[in-house]
Amino acid sequence: MRDDFAIKQVGGLECIHLSTTERFELDCFIGHYIKTRNLVAVPDIERTLRSTLENYPGHAPVMVNELNAWIDKTLGYRASHPDFTQLDDL
């Protein structure tokens, strides 16, 4: 990891890194997660995500792909592709 990336960190989950120069603030990340998992209709999903994120075991810097994978595994969600309709598991 580059030294300047390691030095310029915001602690905890205040921000989630997309790259060494781009990051989501927590609220933006949650909105993006809900959209990419097609969870808008799930009751209290934002509250569920926030309470789940309180238990995230990782340490800063938190990368978006790692956090997405952890939430998916923890809550059982999957990303939906915008160009394809959801298919039921066979």
PDB file of N, CA and C in Angstrom:
ATOM      1  N   MET A   1       0.853  -1.176   0.000  1.00  0.00           N
ATOM      2  CA  MET A   1       0.000   0.000   0.000  1.00  0.00           C
ATOM      3  C   MET A   1       0.890   1.228   0.000  1.00  0.00           C
ATOM      4  N   ARG A   2       0.480   2.233  -0.747  1.00  0.00           N
ATOM      5  CA  ARG A   2       1.265   3.464  -0.811  1.00  0.00           C
ATOM      6  C   ARG A   2       1.249   4.160   0.538  1.00  0.00           C
ATOM      7  N   ASP A   3       2.385   4.803   0.885  1.00  0.00           N
ATOM      8  CA  ASP A   3       2.483   5.497   2.166  1.00  0.00           C
ATOM      9  C   ASP A   3       1.482   6.634   2.290  1.00  0.00           C
ATOM     10  N   ASP A   4       1.302   7.429   1.233  1.00  0.00           N
ATOM     11  CA  ASP A   4       0.374   8.556   1.323  1.00  0.00           C
ATOM     12  C   ASP A   4      -1.063   8.089   1.499  1.00  0.00           C
ATOM     13  N   PHE A   5      -1.409   6.919   0.977  1.00  0.00           N
ATOM     14  CA  PHE A   5      -2.743   6.353   1.151  1.00  0.00           C
ATOM     15  C   PHE A   5      -2.946   5.942   2.599  1.00  0.00           C
ATOM     16  N   ALA A   6      -1.952   5.320   3.187  1.00  0.00           N
ATOM     17  CA  ALA A   6      -2.035   4.869   4.576  1.00  0.00           C
ATOM     18  C   ALA A   6      -2.086   6.043   5.540  1.00  0.00           C
ATOM     19  N   ILE A   7      -1.427   7.127   5.225  1.00  0.00           N
ATOM     20  CA  ILE A   7      -1.353   8.282   6.114  1.00  0.00           C
ATOM     21  C   ILE A   7      -2.649   9.081   6.119  1.00  0.00           C
ATOM     22  N   LYS A   8      -3.303   9.261   4.974  1.00  0.00           N
ATOM     23  CA  LYS A   8      -4.480  10.119   4.843  1.00  0.00           C
ATOM     24  C   LYS A   8      -5.770   9.350   5.066  1.00  0.00           C
ATOM     25  N   GLN A   9      -5.907   8.674   6.166  1.00  0.00           N
ATOM     26  CA  GLN A   9      -7.079   7.849   6.425  1.00  0.00           C
ATOM     27  C   GLN A   9      -8.056   8.545   7.344  1.00  0.00           C
ATOM     28  N   VAL A  10      -9.318   8.304   7.073  1.00  0.00           N
ATOM     29  CA  VAL A  10     -10.376   8.699   7.987  1.00  0.00           C
ATOM     30  C   VAL A  10     -10.722   7.439   8.747  1.00  0.00           C
ATOM     31  N   GLY A  11     -10.787   7.507  10.055  1.00  0.00           N
ATOM     32  CA  GLY A  11     -10.975   6.320  10.876  1.00  0.00           C
ATOM     33  C   GLY A  11     -12.336   5.670  10.733  1.00  0.00           C
ATOM     34  N   GLY A  12     -12.370   4.384  11.033  1.00  0.00           N
ATOM     35  CA  GLY A  12     -13.610   3.630  11.061  1.00  0.00           C
ATOM     36  C   GLY A  12     -14.322   3.594   9.728  1.00  0.00           C
ATOM     37  N   LEU A  13     -15.639   3.641   9.780  1.00  0.00           N
ATOM     38  CA  LEU A  13     -16.441   3.588   8.567  1.00  0.00           C
ATOM     39  C   LEU A  13     -17.020   4.954   8.205  1.00  0.00           C
ATOM     40  N   GLU A  14     -16.319   6.016   8.565  1.00  0.00           N
ATOM     41  CA  GLU A  14     -16.768   7.343   8.159  1.00  0.00           C
ATOM     42  C   GLU A  14     -16.705   7.474   6.649  1.00  0.00           C
ATOM     43  N   CYS A  15     -15.736   6.789   6.042  1.00  0.00           N
ATOM     44  CA  CYS A  15     -15.656   6.773   4.590  1.00  0.00           C
ATOM     45  C   CYS A  15     -15.194   5.397   4.132  1.00  0.00           C
ATOM     46  N   ILE A  16     -15.620   5.068   2.911  1.00  0.00           N
ATOM     47  CA  ILE A  16     -15.283   3.777   2.332  1.00  0.00           C
ATOM     48  C   ILE A  16     -14.571   4.077   1.024  1.00  0.00           C
ATOM     49  N   HIS A  17     -13.400   3.490   0.850  1.00  0.00           N
ATOM     50  CA  HIS A  17     -12.554   3.816  -0.293  1.00  0.00           C
ATOM     51  C   HIS A  17     -12.940   3.033  -1.541  1.00  0.00           C
ATOM     52  N   LEU A  18     -13.083   3.771  -2.642  1.00  0.00           N
ATOM     53  CA  LEU A  18     -13.276   3.173  -3.958  1.00  0.00           C
ATOM     54  C   LEU A  18     -11.911   2.932  -4.601  1.00  0.00           C
ATOM     55  N   SER A  19     -10.977   3.824  -4.327  1.00  0.00           N
ATOM     56  CA  SER A  19      -9.602   3.735  -4.825  1.00  0.00           C
ATOM     57  C   SER A  19      -8.735   4.530  -3.861  1.00  0.00           C
ATOM     58  N   THR A  20      -7.479   4.742  -4.235  1.00  0.00           N
ATOM     59  CA  THR A  20      -6.601   5.505  -3.352  1.00  0.00           C
ATOM     60  C   THR A  20      -6.976   6.979  -3.314  1.00  0.00           C
ATOM     61  N   THR A  21      -7.754   7.448  -4.286  1.00  0.00           N
ATOM     62  CA  THR A  21      -8.111   8.866  -4.338  1.00  0.00           C
ATOM     63  C   THR A  21      -9.608   9.139  -4.242  1.00  0.00           C
ATOM     64  N   GLU A  22     -10.445   8.120  -4.381  1.00  0.00           N
ATOM     65  CA  GLU A  22     -11.894   8.300  -4.349  1.00  0.00           C
ATOM     66  C   GLU A  22     -12.493   7.534  -3.177  1.00  0.00           C
ATOM     67  N   ARG A  23     -13.501   8.144  -2.570  1.00  0.00           N
ATOM     68  CA  ARG A  23     -14.161   7.467  -1.452  1.00  0.00           C
ATOM     69  C   ARG A  23     -15.608   7.911  -1.328  1.00  0.00           C
ATOM     70  N   PHE A  24     -16.390   7.034  -0.726  1.00  0.00           N
ATOM     71  CA  PHE A  24     -17.786   7.303  -0.384  1.00  0.00           C
ATOM     72  C   PHE A  24     -17.835   7.724   1.072  1.00  0.00           C
ATOM     73  N   GLU A  25     -18.684   8.695   1.387  1.00  0.00           N
ATOM     74  CA  GLU A  25     -19.030   8.917   2.782  1.00  0.00           C
ATOM     75  C   GLU A  25     -20.010   7.810   3.135  1.00  0.00           C
ATOM     76  N   LEU A  26     -20.155   7.504   4.403  1.00  0.00           N
ATOM     77  CA  LEU A  26     -20.979   6.375   4.838  1.00  0.00           C
ATOM     78  C   LEU A  26     -22.403   6.447   4.290  1.00  0.00           C
ATOM     79  N   ASP A  27     -23.052   7.612   4.375  1.00  0.00           N
ATOM     80  CA  ASP A  27     -24.429   7.735   3.884  1.00  0.00           C
ATOM     81  C   ASP A  27     -24.518   7.432   2.392  1.00  0.00           C
ATOM     82  N   CYS A  28     -23.554   7.898   1.631  1.00  0.00           N
ATOM     83  CA  CYS A  28     -23.524   7.655   0.190  1.00  0.00           C
ATOM     84  C   CYS A  28     -23.299   6.169  -0.090  1.00  0.00           C
ATOM     85  N   PHE A  29     -22.406   5.544   0.677  1.00  0.00           N
ATOM     86  CA  PHE A  29     -22.160   4.116   0.510  1.00  0.00           C
ATOM     87  C   PHE A  29     -23.440   3.319   0.762  1.00  0.00           C
ATOM     88  N   ILE A  30     -24.152   3.641   1.829  1.00  0.00           N
ATOM     89  CA  ILE A  30     -25.382   2.917   2.162  1.00  0.00           C
ATOM     90  C   ILE A  30     -26.405   3.068   1.040  1.00  0.00           C
ATOM     91  N   GLY A  31     -26.570   4.274   0.527  1.00  0.00           N
ATOM     92  CA  GLY A  31     -27.487   4.489  -0.587  1.00  0.00           C
ATOM     93  C   GLY A  31     -27.090   3.700  -1.822  1.00  0.00           C
ATOM     94  N   HIS A  32     -25.808   3.669  -2.117  1.00  0.00           N
ATOM     95  CA  HIS A  32     -25.302   2.916  -3.265  1.00  0.00           C
ATOM     96  C   HIS A  32     -25.502   1.427  -3.057  1.00  0.00           C
ATOM     97  N   TYR A  33     -25.261   0.937  -1.859  1.00  0.00           N
ATOM     98  CA  TYR A  33     -25.452  -0.487  -1.561  1.00  0.00           C
ATOM     99  C   TYR A  33     -26.915  -0.875  -1.759  1.00  0.00           C
ATOM    100  N   ILE A  34     -27.821  -0.070  -1.241  1.00  0.00           N
ATOM    101  CA  ILE A  34     -29.257  -0.345  -1.378  1.00  0.00           C
ATOM    102  C   ILE A  34     -29.649  -0.377  -2.854  1.00  0.00           C
ATOM    103  N   LYS A  35     -29.128   0.558  -3.626  1.00  0.00           N
ATOM    104  CA  LYS A  35     -29.456   0.619  -5.051  1.00  0.00           C
ATOM    105  C   LYS A  35     -28.881  -0.582  -5.804  1.00  0.00           C
ATOM    106  N   THR A  36     -27.630  -0.936  -5.569  1.00  0.00           N
ATOM    107  CA  THR A  36     -26.997  -2.026  -6.324  1.00  0.00           C
ATOM    108  C   THR A  36     -27.521  -3.400  -5.928  1.00  0.00           C
ATOM    109  N   ARG A  37     -28.138  -3.506  -4.764  1.00  0.00           N
ATOM    110  CA  ARG A  37     -28.729  -4.780  -4.321  1.00  0.00           C
ATOM    111  C   ARG A  37     -30.234  -4.779  -4.530  1.00  0.00           C
ATOM    112  N   ASN A  38     -30.770  -3.697  -5.084  1.00  0.00           N
ATOM    113  CA  ASN A  38     -32.204  -3.572  -5.341  1.00  0.00           C
ATOM    114  C   ASN A  38     -33.009  -3.805  -4.060  1.00  0.00           C
ATOM    115  N   LEU A  39     -32.632  -3.087  -3.005  1.00  0.00           N
ATOM    116  CA  LEU A  39     -33.236  -3.282  -1.688  1.00  0.00           C
ATOM    117  C   LEU A  39     -34.147  -2.134  -1.266  1.00  0.00           C
ATOM    118  N   VAL A  40     -34.519  -1.280  -2.195  1.00  0.00           N
ATOM    119  CA  VAL A  40     -35.321  -0.094  -1.860  1.00  0.00           C
ATOM    120  C   VAL A  40     -36.617  -0.467  -1.154  1.00  0.00           C
ATOM    121  N   ALA A  41     -37.229  -1.560  -1.544  1.00  0.00           N
ATOM    122  CA  ALA A  41     -38.521  -1.959  -0.973  1.00  0.00           C
ATOM    123  C   ALA A  41     -38.398  -2.733   0.349  1.00  0.00           C
ATOM    124  N   VAL A  42     -37.184  -3.036   0.779  1.00  0.00           N
ATOM    125  CA  VAL A  42     -37.003  -3.802   2.020  1.00  0.00           C
ATOM    126  C   VAL A  42     -37.241  -2.877   3.218  1.00  0.00           C
ATOM    127  N   PRO A  43     -38.181  -3.226   4.087  1.00  0.00           N
ATOM    128  CA  PRO A  43     -38.478  -2.376   5.248  1.00  0.00           C
ATOM    129  C   PRO A  43     -37.252  -2.192   6.148  1.00  0.00           C
ATOM    130  N   ASP A  44     -37.018  -0.976   6.573  1.00  0.00           N
ATOM    131  CA  ASP A  44     -35.945  -0.623   7.510  1.00  0.00           C
ATOM    132  C   ASP A  44     -34.560  -1.063   7.047  1.00  0.00           C
ATOM    133  N   ILE A  45     -34.328  -1.122   5.729  1.00  0.00           N
ATOM    134  CA  ILE A  45     -33.037  -1.602   5.244  1.00  0.00           C
ATOM    135  C   ILE A  45     -31.893  -0.676   5.663  1.00  0.00           C
ATOM    136  N   GLU A  46     -32.121   0.619   5.674  1.00  0.00           N
ATOM    137  CA  GLU A  46     -31.046   1.532   6.068  1.00  0.00           C
ATOM    138  C   GLU A  46     -30.654   1.300   7.525  1.00  0.00           C
ATOM    139  N   ARG A  47     -31.644   1.137   8.388  1.00  0.00           N
ATOM    140  CA  ARG A  47     -31.358   0.862   9.804  1.00  0.00           C
ATOM    141  C   ARG A  47     -30.647  -0.474   9.955  1.00  0.00           C
ATOM    142  N   THR A  48     -31.079  -1.478   9.207  1.00  0.00           N
ATOM    143  CA  THR A  48     -30.447  -2.796   9.253  1.00  0.00           C
ATOM    144  C   THR A  48     -28.985  -2.707   8.837  1.00  0.00           C
ATOM    145  N   LEU A  49     -28.720  -1.971   7.759  1.00  0.00           N
ATOM    146  CA  LEU A  49     -27.338  -1.828   7.296  1.00  0.00           C
ATOM    147  C   LEU A  49     -26.478  -1.095   8.327  1.00  0.00           C
ATOM    148  N   ARG A  50     -27.011  -0.019   8.876  1.00  0.00           N
ATOM    149  CA  ARG A  50     -26.229   0.741   9.873  1.00  0.00           C
ATOM    150  C   ARG A  50     -25.913  -0.117  11.104  1.00  0.00           C
ATOM    151  N   SER A  51     -26.874  -0.888  11.580  1.00  0.00           N
ATOM    152  CA  SER A  51     -26.604  -1.728  12.755  1.00  0.00           C
ATOM    153  C   SER A  51     -25.641  -2.860  12.403  1.00  0.00           C
ATOM    154  N   THR A  52     -25.728  -3.384  11.188  1.00  0.00           N
ATOM    155  CA  THR A  52     -24.796  -4.426  10.753  1.00  0.00           C
ATOM    156  C   THR A  52     -23.385  -3.862  10.646  1.00  0.00           C
ATOM    157  N   LEU A  53     -23.265  -2.664  10.098  1.00  0.00           N
ATOM    158  CA  LEU A  53     -21.951  -2.041   9.924  1.00  0.00           C
ATOM    159  C   LEU A  53     -21.251  -1.751  11.245  1.00  0.00           C
ATOM    160  N   GLU A  54     -22.000  -1.620  12.322  1.00  0.00           N
ATOM    161  CA  GLU A  54     -21.393  -1.417  13.638  1.00  0.00           C
ATOM    162  C   GLU A  54     -20.530  -2.608  14.035  1.00  0.00           C
ATOM    163  N   ASN A  55     -20.805  -3.770  13.446  1.00  0.00           N
ATOM    164  CA  ASN A  55     -20.061  -4.986  13.784  1.00  0.00           C
ATOM    165  C   ASN A  55     -18.989  -5.342  12.757  1.00  0.00           C
ATOM    166  N   TYR A  56     -18.708  -4.442  11.815  1.00  0.00           N
ATOM    167  CA  TYR A  56     -17.706  -4.730  10.792  1.00  0.00           C
ATOM    168  C   TYR A  56     -16.346  -4.959  11.458  1.00  0.00           C
ATOM    169  N   PRO A  57     -15.727  -6.110  11.212  1.00  0.00           N
ATOM    170  CA  PRO A  57     -14.479  -6.446  11.896  1.00  0.00           C
ATOM    171  C   PRO A  57     -13.218  -5.871  11.254  1.00  0.00           C
ATOM    172  N   GLY A  58     -13.331  -5.278  10.069  1.00  0.00           N
ATOM    173  CA  GLY A  58     -12.158  -4.762   9.361  1.00  0.00           C
ATOM    174  C   GLY A  58     -11.627  -3.479   9.968  1.00  0.00           C
ATOM    175  N   HIS A  59     -10.478  -3.067   9.455  1.00  0.00           N
ATOM    176  CA  HIS A  59      -9.822  -1.847   9.926  1.00  0.00           C
ATOM    177  C   HIS A  59      -9.571  -0.921   8.749  1.00  0.00           C
ATOM    178  N   ALA A  60      -9.462   0.357   9.035  1.00  0.00           N
ATOM    179  CA  ALA A  60      -9.186   1.349   7.982  1.00  0.00           C
ATOM    180  C   ALA A  60      -7.825   1.061   7.343  1.00  0.00           C
ATOM    181  N   PRO A  61      -7.695   1.288   6.058  1.00  0.00           N
ATOM    182  CA  PRO A  61      -8.705   1.785   5.138  1.00  0.00           C
ATOM    183  C   PRO A  61      -9.680   0.689   4.740  1.00  0.00           C
ATOM    184  N   VAL A  62     -10.949   1.038   4.685  1.00  0.00           N
ATOM    185  CA  VAL A  62     -11.988   0.089   4.310  1.00  0.00           C
ATOM    186  C   VAL A  62     -12.265   0.269   2.818  1.00  0.00           C
ATOM    187  N   MET A  63     -12.071  -0.793   2.062  1.00  0.00           N
ATOM    188  CA  MET A  63     -12.294  -0.752   0.619  1.00  0.00           C
ATOM    189  C   MET A  63     -13.721  -1.194   0.318  1.00  0.00           C
ATOM    190  N   VAL A  64     -14.350  -0.550  -0.659  1.00  0.00           N
ATOM    191  CA  VAL A  64     -15.753  -0.794  -0.972  1.00  0.00           C
ATOM    192  C   VAL A  64     -16.020  -2.255  -1.340  1.00  0.00           C
ATOM    193  N   ASN A  65     -15.139  -2.872  -2.113  1.00  0.00           N
ATOM    194  CA  ASN A  65     -15.391  -4.262  -2.517  1.00  0.00           C
ATOM    195  C   ASN A  65     -15.337  -5.209  -1.327  1.00  0.00           C
ATOM    196  N   GLU A  66     -14.448  -4.958  -0.373  1.00  0.00           N
ATOM    197  CA  GLU A  66     -14.364  -5.794   0.822  1.00  0.00           C
ATOM    198  C   GLU A  66     -15.601  -5.620   1.697  1.00  0.00           C
ATOM    199  N   LEU A  67     -16.041  -4.387   1.848  1.00  0.00           N
ATOM    200  CA  LEU A  67     -17.211  -4.118   2.673  1.00  0.00           C
ATOM    201  C   LEU A  67     -18.474  -4.681   2.031  1.00  0.00           C
ATOM    202  N   ASN A  68     -18.613  -4.511   0.714  1.00  0.00           N
ATOM    203  CA  ASN A  68     -19.758  -5.100   0.009  1.00  0.00           C
ATOM    204  C   ASN A  68     -19.799  -6.611   0.213  1.00  0.00           C
ATOM    205  N   ALA A  69     -18.656  -7.266   0.046  1.00  0.00           N
ATOM    206  CA  ALA A  69     -18.590  -8.725   0.193  1.00  0.00           C
ATOM    207  C   ALA A  69     -18.962  -9.146   1.617  1.00  0.00           C
ATOM    208  N   TRP A  70     -18.482  -8.405   2.613  1.00  0.00           N
ATOM    209  CA  TRP A  70     -18.779  -8.745   4.006  1.00  0.00           C
ATOM    210  C   TRP A  70     -20.271  -8.588   4.293  1.00  0.00           C
ATOM    211  N   ILE A  71     -20.874  -7.482   3.838  1.00  0.00           N
ATOM    212  CA  ILE A  71     -22.307  -7.281   4.069  1.00  0.00           C
ATOM    213  C   ILE A  71     -23.111  -8.356   3.338  1.00  0.00           C
ATOM    214  N   ASP A  72     -22.741  -8.628   2.089  1.00  0.00           N
ATOM    215  CA  ASP A  72     -23.441  -9.662   1.319  1.00  0.00           C
ATOM    216  C   ASP A  72     -23.419 -10.993   2.063  1.00  0.00           C
ATOM    217  N   LYS A  73     -22.257 -11.359   2.567  1.00  0.00           N
ATOM    218  CA  LYS A  73     -22.115 -12.637   3.286  1.00  0.00           C
ATOM    219  C   LYS A  73     -22.899 -12.608   4.598  1.00  0.00           C
ATOM    220  N   THR A  74     -22.807 -11.498   5.310  1.00  0.00           N
ATOM    221  CA  THR A  74     -23.465 -11.378   6.614  1.00  0.00           C
ATOM    222  C   THR A  74     -24.987 -11.371   6.494  1.00  0.00           C
ATOM    223  N   LEU A  75     -25.506 -10.623   5.519  1.00  0.00           N
ATOM    224  CA  LEU A  75     -26.955 -10.475   5.395  1.00  0.00           C
ATOM    225  C   LEU A  75     -27.567 -11.328   4.287  1.00  0.00           C
ATOM    226  N   GLY A  76     -26.728 -11.925   3.445  1.00  0.00           N
ATOM    227  CA  GLY A  76     -27.232 -12.814   2.399  1.00  0.00           C
ATOM    228  C   GLY A  76     -27.725 -12.127   1.145  1.00  0.00           C
ATOM    229  N   TYR A  77     -27.268 -10.906   0.868  1.00  0.00           N
ATOM    230  CA  TYR A  77     -27.684 -10.200  -0.339  1.00  0.00           C
ATOM    231  C   TYR A  77     -26.703 -10.446  -1.478  1.00  0.00           C
ATOM    232  N   ARG A  78     -27.170 -10.125  -2.699  1.00  0.00           N
ATOM    233  CA  ARG A  78     -26.316 -10.203  -3.880  1.00  0.00           C
ATOM    234  C   ARG A  78     -26.551  -8.953  -4.719  1.00  0.00           C
ATOM    235  N   ALA A  79     -25.508  -8.536  -5.425  1.00  0.00           N
ATOM    236  CA  ALA A  79     -25.634  -7.384  -6.317  1.00  0.00           C
ATOM    237  C   ALA A  79     -26.506  -7.762  -7.498  1.00  0.00           C
ATOM    238  N   SER A  80     -27.286  -6.804  -7.953  1.00  0.00           N
ATOM    239  CA  SER A  80     -28.101  -7.032  -9.150  1.00  0.00           C
ATOM    240  C   SER A  80     -27.476  -6.255 -10.297  1.00  0.00           C
ATOM    241  N   HIS A  81     -27.508  -6.845 -11.471  1.00  0.00           N
ATOM    242  CA  HIS A  81     -26.965  -6.186 -12.645  1.00  0.00           C
ATOM    243  C   HIS A  81     -28.075  -5.364 -13.278  1.00  0.00           C
ATOM    244  N   PRO A  82     -27.820  -4.087 -13.593  1.00  0.00           N
ATOM    245  CA  PRO A  82     -28.886  -3.229 -14.106  1.00  0.00           C
ATOM    246  C   PRO A  82     -29.420  -3.646 -15.473  1.00  0.00           C
ATOM    247  N   ASP A  83     -28.661  -4.433 -16.244  1.00  0.00           N
ATOM    248  CA  ASP A  83     -29.089  -4.818 -17.584  1.00  0.00           C
ATOM    249  C   ASP A  83     -29.827  -6.150 -17.637  1.00  0.00           C
ATOM    250  N   PHE A  84     -29.902  -6.859 -16.508  1.00  0.00           N
ATOM    251  CA  PHE A  84     -30.540  -8.165 -16.495  1.00  0.00           C
ATOM    252  C   PHE A  84     -31.589  -8.224 -15.393  1.00  0.00           C
ATOM    253  N   THR A  85     -32.693  -8.866 -15.679  1.00  0.00           N
ATOM    254  CA  THR A  85     -33.714  -9.050 -14.649  1.00  0.00           C
ATOM    255  C   THR A  85     -33.247 -10.119 -13.683  1.00  0.00           C
ATOM    256  N   GLN A  86     -33.760 -10.072 -12.480  1.00  0.00           N
ATOM    257  CA  GLN A  86     -33.408 -11.073 -11.474  1.00  0.00           C
ATOM    258  C   GLN A  86     -33.970 -12.426 -11.868  1.00  0.00           C
ATOM    259  N   LEU A  87     -33.172 -13.440 -11.739  1.00  0.00           N
ATOM    260  CA  LEU A  87     -33.609 -14.792 -12.002  1.00  0.00           C
ATOM    261  C   LEU A  87     -33.633 -15.559 -10.691  1.00  0.00           C
ATOM    262  N   ASP A  88     -34.655 -16.350 -10.502  1.00  0.00           N
ATOM    263  CA  ASP A  88     -34.712 -17.177  -9.305  1.00  0.00           C
ATOM    264  C   ASP A  88     -33.667 -18.274  -9.409  1.00  0.00           C
ATOM    265  N   ASP A  89     -33.083 -18.647  -8.287  1.00  0.00           N
ATOM    266  CA  ASP A  89     -32.144 -19.771  -8.269  1.00  0.00           C
ATOM    267  C   ASP A  89     -32.862 -21.045  -8.657  1.00  0.00           C
ATOM    268  N   LEU A  90     -32.221 -21.836  -9.454  1.00  0.00           N
ATOM    269  CA  LEU A  90     -32.833 -23.089  -9.884  1.00  0.00           C
ATOM    270  C   LEU A  90     -32.588 -24.177  -8.886  1.00  0.00           C
TER     271      LEU A  90
END
